[in-house]
PDB file of all heavy atoms in Angstrom:
ATOM      1  N   GLN A   1      94.873 -89.545-126.892  1.00  0.00           N
ATOM      2  CA  GLN A   1      94.377 -90.657-126.024  1.00  0.00           C
ATOM      3  C   GLN A   1      93.582 -90.008-124.859  1.00  0.00           C
ATOM      4  O   GLN A   1      92.507 -90.439-124.460  1.00  0.00           O
ATOM      5  CB  GLN A   1      95.438 -91.563-125.612  1.00  0.00           C
ATOM      6  CG  GLN A   1      94.906 -92.655-124.721  1.00  0.00           C
ATOM      7  CD  GLN A   1      95.992 -93.733-124.441  1.00  0.00           C
ATOM      8  OE1 GLN A   1      96.901 -93.938-125.172  1.00  0.00           O
ATOM      9  NE2 GLN A   1      95.829 -94.457-123.322  1.00  0.00           N
ATOM     10  N   HIS A   2      94.249 -88.978-124.221  1.00  0.00           N
ATOM     11  CA  HIS A   2      93.592 -88.238-123.150  1.00  0.00           C
ATOM     12  C   HIS A   2      92.278 -87.695-123.566  1.00  0.00           C
ATOM     13  O   HIS A   2      91.362 -87.775-122.825  1.00  0.00           O
ATOM     14  CB  HIS A   2      94.571 -87.187-122.624  1.00  0.00           C
ATOM     15  CG  HIS A   2      94.061 -86.490-121.383  1.00  0.00           C
ATOM     16  ND1 HIS A   2      93.841 -87.120-120.236  1.00  0.00           N
ATOM     17  CD2 HIS A   2      93.783 -85.124-121.258  1.00  0.00           C
ATOM     18  CE1 HIS A   2      93.263 -86.165-119.249  1.00  0.00           C
ATOM     19  NE2 HIS A   2      93.327 -84.974-119.930  1.00  0.00           N
ATOM     20  N   GLN A   3      92.252 -87.114-124.765  1.00  0.00           N
ATOM     21  CA  GLN A   3      90.981 -86.443-125.203  1.00  0.00           C
ATOM     22  C   GLN A   3      89.981 -87.499-125.436  1.00  0.00           C
ATOM     23  O   GLN A   3      88.724 -87.274-125.018  1.00  0.00           O
ATOM     24  CB  GLN A   3      91.407 -85.829-126.627  1.00  0.00           C
ATOM     25  CG  GLN A   3      90.115 -85.241-127.285  1.00  0.00           C
ATOM     26  CD  GLN A   3      90.591 -84.726-128.707  1.00  0.00           C
ATOM     27  OE1 GLN A   3      91.626 -84.151-128.940  1.00  0.00           O
ATOM     28  NE2 GLN A   3      89.510 -84.957-129.732  1.00  0.00           N
ATOM     29  N   ALA A   4      90.367 -88.632-125.943  1.00  0.00           N
ATOM     30  CA  ALA A   4      89.390 -89.731-126.155  1.00  0.00           C
ATOM     31  C   ALA A   4      88.847 -90.282-124.865  1.00  0.00           C
ATOM     32  O   ALA A   4      87.683 -90.587-124.711  1.00  0.00           O
ATOM     33  CB  ALA A   4      90.055 -90.852-126.932  1.00  0.00           C
ATOM     34  N   LEU A   5      89.764 -90.416-123.851  1.00  0.00           N
ATOM     35  CA  LEU A   5      89.269 -90.911-122.533  1.00  0.00           C
ATOM     36  C   LEU A   5      88.335 -89.828-121.851  1.00  0.00           C
ATOM     37  O   LEU A   5      87.447 -90.221-121.257  1.00  0.00           O
ATOM     38  CB  LEU A   5      90.563 -91.076-121.676  1.00  0.00           C
ATOM     39  CG  LEU A   5      91.377 -92.399-121.808  1.00  0.00           C
ATOM     40  CD1 LEU A   5      92.580 -92.290-121.115  1.00  0.00           C
ATOM     41  CD2 LEU A   5      90.495 -93.536-121.529  1.00  0.00           C
ATOM     42  N   ARG A   6      88.606 -88.531-122.087  1.00  0.00           N
ATOM     43  CA  ARG A   6      87.750 -87.656-121.470  1.00  0.00           C
ATOM     44  C   ARG A   6      86.354 -87.597-122.031  1.00  0.00           C
ATOM     45  O   ARG A   6      85.231 -87.536-121.384  1.00  0.00           O
ATOM     46  CB  ARG A   6      88.266 -86.115-121.594  1.00  0.00           C
ATOM     47  CG  ARG A   6      89.438 -85.968-120.778  1.00  0.00           C
ATOM     48  CD  ARG A   6      90.056 -84.535-120.868  1.00  0.00           C
ATOM     49  NE  ARG A   6      89.096 -83.604-120.497  1.00  0.00           N
ATOM     50  CZ  ARG A   6      88.866 -83.084-119.127  1.00  0.00           C
ATOM     51  NH1 ARG A   6      89.603 -83.762-118.267  1.00  0.00           N
ATOM     52  NH2 ARG A   6      88.025 -82.274-118.850  1.00  0.00           N
ATOM     53  N   VAL A   7      86.279 -87.856-123.440  1.00  0.00           N
ATOM     54  CA  VAL A   7      84.923 -88.046-124.171  1.00  0.00           C
ATOM     55  C   VAL A   7      84.263 -89.235-123.523  1.00  0.00           C
ATOM     56  O   VAL A   7      83.081 -89.168-123.293  1.00  0.00           O
ATOM     57  CB  VAL A   7      85.216 -88.134-125.621  1.00  0.00           C
ATOM     58  CG1 VAL A   7      83.849 -88.423-126.324  1.00  0.00           C
ATOM     59  CG2 VAL A   7      85.770 -86.816-126.223  1.00  0.00           C
ATOM     60  N   ARG A   8      84.914 -90.354-123.521  1.00  0.00           N
ATOM     61  CA  ARG A   8      84.254 -91.545-122.994  1.00  0.00           C
ATOM     62  C   ARG A   8      83.904 -91.376-121.533  1.00  0.00           C
ATOM     63  O   ARG A   8      82.838 -91.919-121.183  1.00  0.00           O
ATOM     64  CB  ARG A   8      85.203 -92.725-123.105  1.00  0.00           C
ATOM     65  CG  ARG A   8      84.504 -94.081-122.864  1.00  0.00           C
ATOM     66  CD  ARG A   8      85.566 -95.242-122.851  1.00  0.00           C
ATOM     67  NE  ARG A   8      86.388 -95.184-121.591  1.00  0.00           N
ATOM     68  CZ  ARG A   8      87.137 -96.157-121.240  1.00  0.00           C
ATOM     69  NH1 ARG A   8      87.309 -97.326-121.974  1.00  0.00           N
ATOM     70  NH2 ARG A   8      87.950 -96.157-120.171  1.00  0.00           N
ATOM     71  N   SER A   9      84.734 -90.709-120.725  1.00  0.00           N
ATOM     72  CA  SER A   9      84.355 -90.505-119.417  1.00  0.00           C
ATOM     73  C   SER A   9      83.062 -89.657-119.174  1.00  0.00           C
ATOM     74  O   SER A   9      82.279 -89.946-118.286  1.00  0.00           O
ATOM     75  CB  SER A   9      85.526 -89.954-118.541  1.00  0.00           C
ATOM     76  OG  SER A   9      86.634 -90.698-118.610  1.00  0.00           O
ATOM     77  N   SER A  10      82.945 -88.596-120.023  1.00  0.00           N
ATOM     78  CA  SER A  10      81.832 -87.803-119.980  1.00  0.00           C
ATOM     79  C   SER A  10      80.537 -88.663-120.389  1.00  0.00           C
ATOM     80  O   SER A  10      79.521 -88.443-119.636  1.00  0.00           O
ATOM     81  CB  SER A  10      81.939 -86.627-120.832  1.00  0.00           C
ATOM     82  OG  SER A  10      83.130 -85.834-120.571  1.00  0.00           O
ATOM     83  N   GLU A  11      80.668 -89.472-121.382  1.00  0.00           N
ATOM     84  CA  GLU A  11      79.567 -90.285-121.701  1.00  0.00           C
ATOM     85  C   GLU A  11      79.142 -91.294-120.547  1.00  0.00           C
ATOM     86  O   GLU A  11      78.039 -91.565-120.322  1.00  0.00           O
ATOM     87  CB  GLU A  11      79.874 -91.111-122.946  1.00  0.00           C
ATOM     88  CG  GLU A  11      80.016 -90.204-124.232  1.00  0.00           C
ATOM     89  CD  GLU A  11      80.444 -90.904-125.399  1.00  0.00           C
ATOM     90  OE1 GLU A  11      80.843 -92.097-125.305  1.00  0.00           O
ATOM     91  OE2 GLU A  11      80.415 -90.329-126.593  1.00  0.00           O
ATOM     92  N   GLU A  12      80.285 -91.858-119.875  1.00  0.00           N
ATOM     93  CA  GLU A  12      79.984 -92.788-118.839  1.00  0.00           C
ATOM     94  C   GLU A  12      79.289 -91.996-117.690  1.00  0.00           C
ATOM     95  O   GLU A  12      78.522 -92.658-116.989  1.00  0.00           O
ATOM     96  CB  GLU A  12      81.306 -93.432-118.395  1.00  0.00           C
ATOM     97  CG  GLU A  12      81.141 -94.523-117.434  1.00  0.00           C
ATOM     98  CD  GLU A  12      82.362 -95.206-117.044  1.00  0.00           C
ATOM     99  OE1 GLU A  12      83.442 -94.957-117.540  1.00  0.00           O
ATOM    100  OE2 GLU A  12      82.391 -96.085-116.029  1.00  0.00           O
ATOM    101  N   VAL A  13      79.671 -90.814-117.428  1.00  0.00           N
ATOM    102  CA  VAL A  13      79.028 -90.079-116.350  1.00  0.00           C
ATOM    103  C   VAL A  13      77.492 -89.966-116.499  1.00  0.00           C
ATOM    104  O   VAL A  13      76.694 -90.211-115.608  1.00  0.00           O
ATOM    105  CB  VAL A  13      79.620 -88.644-116.170  1.00  0.00           C
ATOM    106  CG1 VAL A  13      78.799 -87.747-115.329  1.00  0.00           C
ATOM    107  CG2 VAL A  13      81.014 -88.812-115.503  1.00  0.00           C
ATOM    108  N   LYS A  14      77.113 -89.708-117.731  1.00  0.00           N
ATOM    109  CA  LYS A  14      75.671 -89.554-118.055  1.00  0.00           C
ATOM    110  C   LYS A  14      75.051 -90.926-117.824  1.00  0.00           C
ATOM    111  O   LYS A  14      73.929 -91.001-117.321  1.00  0.00           O
ATOM    112  CB  LYS A  14      75.527 -89.179-119.500  1.00  0.00           C
ATOM    113  CG  LYS A  14      76.079 -87.702-119.863  1.00  0.00           C
ATOM    114  CD  LYS A  14      75.912 -87.470-121.267  1.00  0.00           C
ATOM    115  CE  LYS A  14      76.458 -86.101-121.650  1.00  0.00           C
ATOM    116  NZ  LYS A  14      76.337 -85.678-123.217  1.00  0.00           N
ATOM    117  N   SER A  15      75.714 -92.047-118.276  1.00  0.00           N
ATOM    118  CA  SER A  15      75.071 -93.368-118.169  1.00  0.00           C
ATOM    119  C   SER A  15      74.934 -93.688-116.668  1.00  0.00           C
ATOM    120  O   SER A  15      73.835 -94.216-116.256  1.00  0.00           O
ATOM    121  CB  SER A  15      75.929 -94.298-118.830  1.00  0.00           C
ATOM    122  OG  SER A  15      75.471 -95.653-118.586  1.00  0.00           O
ATOM    123  N   LEU A  16      76.076 -93.421-115.848  1.00  0.00           N
ATOM    124  CA  LEU A  16      75.960 -93.790-114.491  1.00  0.00           C
ATOM    125  C   LEU A  16      74.972 -92.823-113.684  1.00  0.00           C
ATOM    126  O   LEU A  16      74.412 -93.424-112.684  1.00  0.00           O
ATOM    127  CB  LEU A  16      77.380 -93.617-113.855  1.00  0.00           C
ATOM    128  CG  LEU A  16      78.418 -94.670-114.345  1.00  0.00           C
ATOM    129  CD1 LEU A  16      79.729 -94.310-113.805  1.00  0.00           C
ATOM    130  CD2 LEU A  16      78.007 -96.082-113.746  1.00  0.00           C
ATOM    131  N   ARG A  17      74.816 -91.720-114.097  1.00  0.00           N
ATOM    132  CA  ARG A  17      73.809 -90.870-113.384  1.00  0.00           C
ATOM    133  C   ARG A  17      72.351 -91.375-113.603  1.00  0.00           C
ATOM    134  O   ARG A  17      71.652 -91.456-112.657  1.00  0.00           O
ATOM    135  CB  ARG A  17      73.825 -89.465-113.956  1.00  0.00           C
ATOM    136  CG  ARG A  17      74.925 -88.512-113.371  1.00  0.00           C
ATOM    137  CD  ARG A  17      74.483 -88.183-111.933  1.00  0.00           C
ATOM    138  NE  ARG A  17      75.391 -87.189-111.371  1.00  0.00           N
ATOM    139  CZ  ARG A  17      75.403 -86.744-110.148  1.00  0.00           C
ATOM    140  NH1 ARG A  17      74.405 -87.253-109.356  1.00  0.00           N
ATOM    141  NH2 ARG A  17      76.214 -85.926-109.622  1.00  0.00           N
ATOM    142  N   ALA A  18      72.092 -91.900-114.756  1.00  0.00           N
ATOM    143  CA  ALA A  18      70.837 -92.594-115.019  1.00  0.00           C
ATOM    144  C   ALA A  18      70.700 -93.787-114.260  1.00  0.00           C
ATOM    145  O   ALA A  18      69.642 -94.139-113.607  1.00  0.00           O
ATOM    146  CB  ALA A  18      70.680 -92.867-116.568  1.00  0.00           C
ATOM    147  N   ALA A  19      71.778 -94.587-114.130  1.00  0.00           N
ATOM    148  CA  ALA A  19      71.766 -95.850-113.416  1.00  0.00           C
ATOM    149  C   ALA A  19      71.576 -95.603-111.957  1.00  0.00           C
ATOM    150  O   ALA A  19      70.811 -96.330-111.193  1.00  0.00           O
ATOM    151  CB  ALA A  19      73.051 -96.656-113.637  1.00  0.00           C
ATOM    152  N   LEU A  20      72.199 -94.494-111.377  1.00  0.00           N
ATOM    153  CA  LEU A  20      72.123 -94.068-109.979  1.00  0.00           C
ATOM    154  C   LEU A  20      70.648 -93.738-109.605  1.00  0.00           C
ATOM    155  O   LEU A  20      70.178 -94.047-108.555  1.00  0.00           O
ATOM    156  CB  LEU A  20      72.967 -92.926-109.697  1.00  0.00           C
ATOM    157  CG  LEU A  20      73.281 -92.641-108.248  1.00  0.00           C
ATOM    158  CD1 LEU A  20      74.050 -93.811-107.598  1.00  0.00           C
ATOM    159  CD2 LEU A  20      74.152 -91.380-108.195  1.00  0.00           C
ATOM    160  N   ALA A  21      69.876 -93.104-110.572  1.00  0.00           N
ATOM    161  CA  ALA A  21      68.534 -92.683-110.339  1.00  0.00           C
ATOM    162  C   ALA A  21      67.653 -93.882-110.312  1.00  0.00           C
ATOM    163  O   ALA A  21      66.635 -93.877-109.538  1.00  0.00           O
ATOM    164  CB  ALA A  21      68.098 -91.775-111.314  1.00  0.00           C
ATOM    165  N   ALA A  22      67.982 -94.893-111.086  1.00  0.00           N
ATOM    166  CA  ALA A  22      67.051 -96.088-111.234  1.00  0.00           C
ATOM    167  C   ALA A  22      67.504 -97.081-110.085  1.00  0.00           C
ATOM    168  O   ALA A  22      66.481 -97.657-109.470  1.00  0.00           O
ATOM    169  CB  ALA A  22      67.317 -96.731-112.574  1.00  0.00           C
ATOM    170  N   ASN A  23      68.722 -97.246-109.793  1.00  0.00           N
ATOM    171  CA  ASN A  23      69.022 -98.367-108.764  1.00  0.00           C
ATOM    172  C   ASN A  23      70.437 -97.965-108.144  1.00  0.00           C
ATOM    173  O   ASN A  23      71.524 -98.408-108.555  1.00  0.00           O
ATOM    174  CB  ASN A  23      69.104 -99.676-109.565  1.00  0.00           C
ATOM    175  CG  ASN A  23      69.442-100.771-108.552  1.00  0.00           C
ATOM    176  OD1 ASN A  23      69.209-100.688-107.336  1.00  0.00           O
ATOM    177  ND2 ASN A  23      70.172-101.779-109.064  1.00  0.00           N
ATOM    178  N   PRO A  24      70.428 -97.083-107.124  1.00  0.00           N
ATOM    179  CA  PRO A  24      71.637 -96.665-106.497  1.00  0.00           C
ATOM    180  C   PRO A  24      72.372 -97.796-105.830  1.00  0.00           C
ATOM    181  O   PRO A  24      71.846 -98.555-105.056  1.00  0.00           O
ATOM    182  CB  PRO A  24      71.113 -95.617-105.406  1.00  0.00           C
ATOM    183  CG  PRO A  24      69.813 -95.953-105.255  1.00  0.00           C
ATOM    184  CD  PRO A  24      69.179 -96.582-106.491  1.00  0.00           C
ATOM    185  N   ARG A  25      73.660 -97.765-106.070  1.00  0.00           N
ATOM    186  CA  ARG A  25      74.580 -98.870-105.474  1.00  0.00           C
ATOM    187  C   ARG A  25      75.857 -98.078-105.112  1.00  0.00           C
ATOM    188  O   ARG A  25      76.301 -97.222-105.745  1.00  0.00           O
ATOM    189  CB  ARG A  25      74.810 -99.919-106.421  1.00  0.00           C
ATOM    190  CG  ARG A  25      73.538-100.736-106.865  1.00  0.00           C
ATOM    191  CD  ARG A  25      73.873-102.151-107.586  1.00  0.00           C
ATOM    192  NE  ARG A  25      74.963-101.947-108.517  1.00  0.00           N
ATOM    193  CZ  ARG A  25      74.673-101.681-109.887  1.00  0.00           C
ATOM    194  NH1 ARG A  25      73.460-101.413-110.214  1.00  0.00           N
ATOM    195  NH2 ARG A  25      75.621-101.635-110.712  1.00  0.00           N
ATOM    196  N   PRO A  26      76.540 -98.660-104.060  1.00  0.00           N
ATOM    197  CA  PRO A  26      77.779 -97.931-103.606  1.00  0.00           C
ATOM    198  C   PRO A  26      78.854 -97.843-104.720  1.00  0.00           C
ATOM    199  O   PRO A  26      79.489 -96.775-104.757  1.00  0.00           O
ATOM    200  CB  PRO A  26      78.252 -98.812-102.485  1.00  0.00           C
ATOM    201  CG  PRO A  26      77.537-100.125-102.682  1.00  0.00           C
ATOM    202  CD  PRO A  26      76.227 -99.877-103.251  1.00  0.00           C
ATOM    203  N   GLU A  27      79.054 -98.857-105.566  1.00  0.00           N
ATOM    204  CA  GLU A  27      80.111 -98.861-106.586  1.00  0.00           C
ATOM    205  C   GLU A  27      79.730 -97.785-107.704  1.00  0.00           C
ATOM    206  O   GLU A  27      80.688 -97.300-108.180  1.00  0.00           O
ATOM    207  CB  GLU A  27      80.272-100.185-107.217  1.00  0.00           C
ATOM    208  CG  GLU A  27      79.018-100.786-107.944  1.00  0.00           C
ATOM    209  CD  GLU A  27      78.124-101.567-107.052  1.00  0.00           C
ATOM    210  OE1 GLU A  27      78.189-101.375-105.774  1.00  0.00           O
ATOM    211  OE2 GLU A  27      77.374-102.446-107.615  1.00  0.00           O
TER     212      GLU A  27
END
């Protein structure tokens, strides 16, 4: 489960980085 969470977290980081570049928000 920890392994799966790390995989999902890494994918979320990539997605959030793209979102941050397009529209930075504090959250």
